Amino acid sequence: MAVSSRVSFGVMAIVALIFSIALPAVVQAQAPAPAPTSDGTTIDQGIAYVLMLVALVLTYIIHETN
């Protein structure tokens, strides 16, 4: 039993050593994600939604007064 646990501990130690050396190199090799940028279409779409809502409210107000 003692020999078996020493062997498995040794194998786990070697695997941990390999991972600790190899994985940081893989992580650093990946390119960073591009920064999110706004091209203006989201702002334009938001303004369009607000204007459509204003037009809808004005339509209801005008038709209720008649």
Protein backbone atom coordinates (compact mmCIF):
# COMPACT_ATOMS: atom_id res chain seq x y z
CA MET A 1 0.00 0.00 0.00
CA ALA A 2 2.74 2.47 0.92
CA VAL A 3 4.59 1.89 -2.35
CA SER A 4 1.41 2.31 -4.38
CA SER A 5 0.55 5.61 -2.73
CA ARG A 6 4.12 6.88 -3.25
CA VAL A 7 3.97 5.98 -6.95
CA SER A 8 0.59 7.64 -7.44
CA PHE A 9 1.80 10.70 -5.52
CA GLY A 10 4.90 10.85 -7.72
CA VAL A 11 2.83 10.54 -10.88
CA MET A 12 0.47 13.29 -9.69
CA ALA A 13 3.44 15.50 -8.81
CA ILE A 14 4.94 15.06 -12.28
CA VAL A 15 1.58 15.74 -13.97
CA ALA A 16 1.11 18.86 -11.82
CA LEU A 17 4.60 20.05 -12.72
CA ILE A 18 3.96 19.56 -16.44
CA PHE A 19 0.65 21.42 -16.24
CA SER A 20 2.15 24.26 -14.23
CA ILE A 21 4.82 24.75 -16.90
CA ALA A 22 2.72 24.17 -20.03
CA LEU A 23 -0.60 25.87 -19.26
CA PRO A 24 0.67 29.42 -18.62
CA ALA A 25 2.45 29.32 -21.98
CA VAL A 26 -0.80 28.36 -23.71
CA VAL A 27 -2.75 31.11 -21.96
CA GLN A 28 -0.19 33.77 -22.87
CA ALA A 29 -0.13 32.66 -26.52
CA GLN A 30 -3.81 33.48 -27.06
CA ALA A 31 -4.61 36.88 -28.52
CA PRO A 32 -6.63 39.18 -26.29
CA ALA A 33 -10.23 39.83 -27.22
CA PRO A 34 -10.81 43.10 -29.08
CA ALA A 35 -12.22 45.93 -27.02
CA PRO A 36 -15.94 46.46 -27.56
CA THR A 37 -16.59 49.53 -29.66
CA SER A 38 -19.77 51.31 -30.64
CA ASP A 39 -20.12 52.10 -34.32
CA GLY A 40 -23.07 54.42 -33.80
CA THR A 41 -25.78 52.08 -35.05
CA THR A 42 -26.89 51.26 -31.51
CA ILE A 43 -27.25 54.96 -30.71
CA ASP A 44 -29.14 55.58 -33.95
CA GLN A 45 -31.47 52.68 -33.23
CA GLY A 46 -32.13 53.99 -29.71
CA ILE A 47 -32.98 57.43 -31.05
CA ALA A 48 -35.29 55.87 -33.64
CA TYR A 49 -37.14 53.91 -30.94
CA VAL A 50 -37.60 57.05 -28.84
CA LEU A 51 -38.92 59.00 -31.82
CA MET A 52 -41.33 56.20 -32.71
CA LEU A 53 -42.58 56.12 -29.11
CA VAL A 54 -43.07 59.90 -29.14
CA ALA A 55 -45.00 59.63 -32.42
CA LEU A 56 -47.18 56.86 -30.97
CA VAL A 57 -47.96 58.89 -27.84
CA LEU A 58 -48.75 62.00 -29.88
CA THR A 59 -51.04 59.96 -32.14
CA TYR A 60 -53.00 58.67 -29.15
CA ILE A 61 -53.21 62.16 -27.61
CA ILE A 62 -54.42 63.75 -30.86
CA HIS A 63 -57.03 61.05 -31.54
CA GLU A 64 -58.39 61.13 -27.97
CA THR A 65 -59.16 64.83 -28.17
CA ASN A 66 -61.40 64.41 -31.24
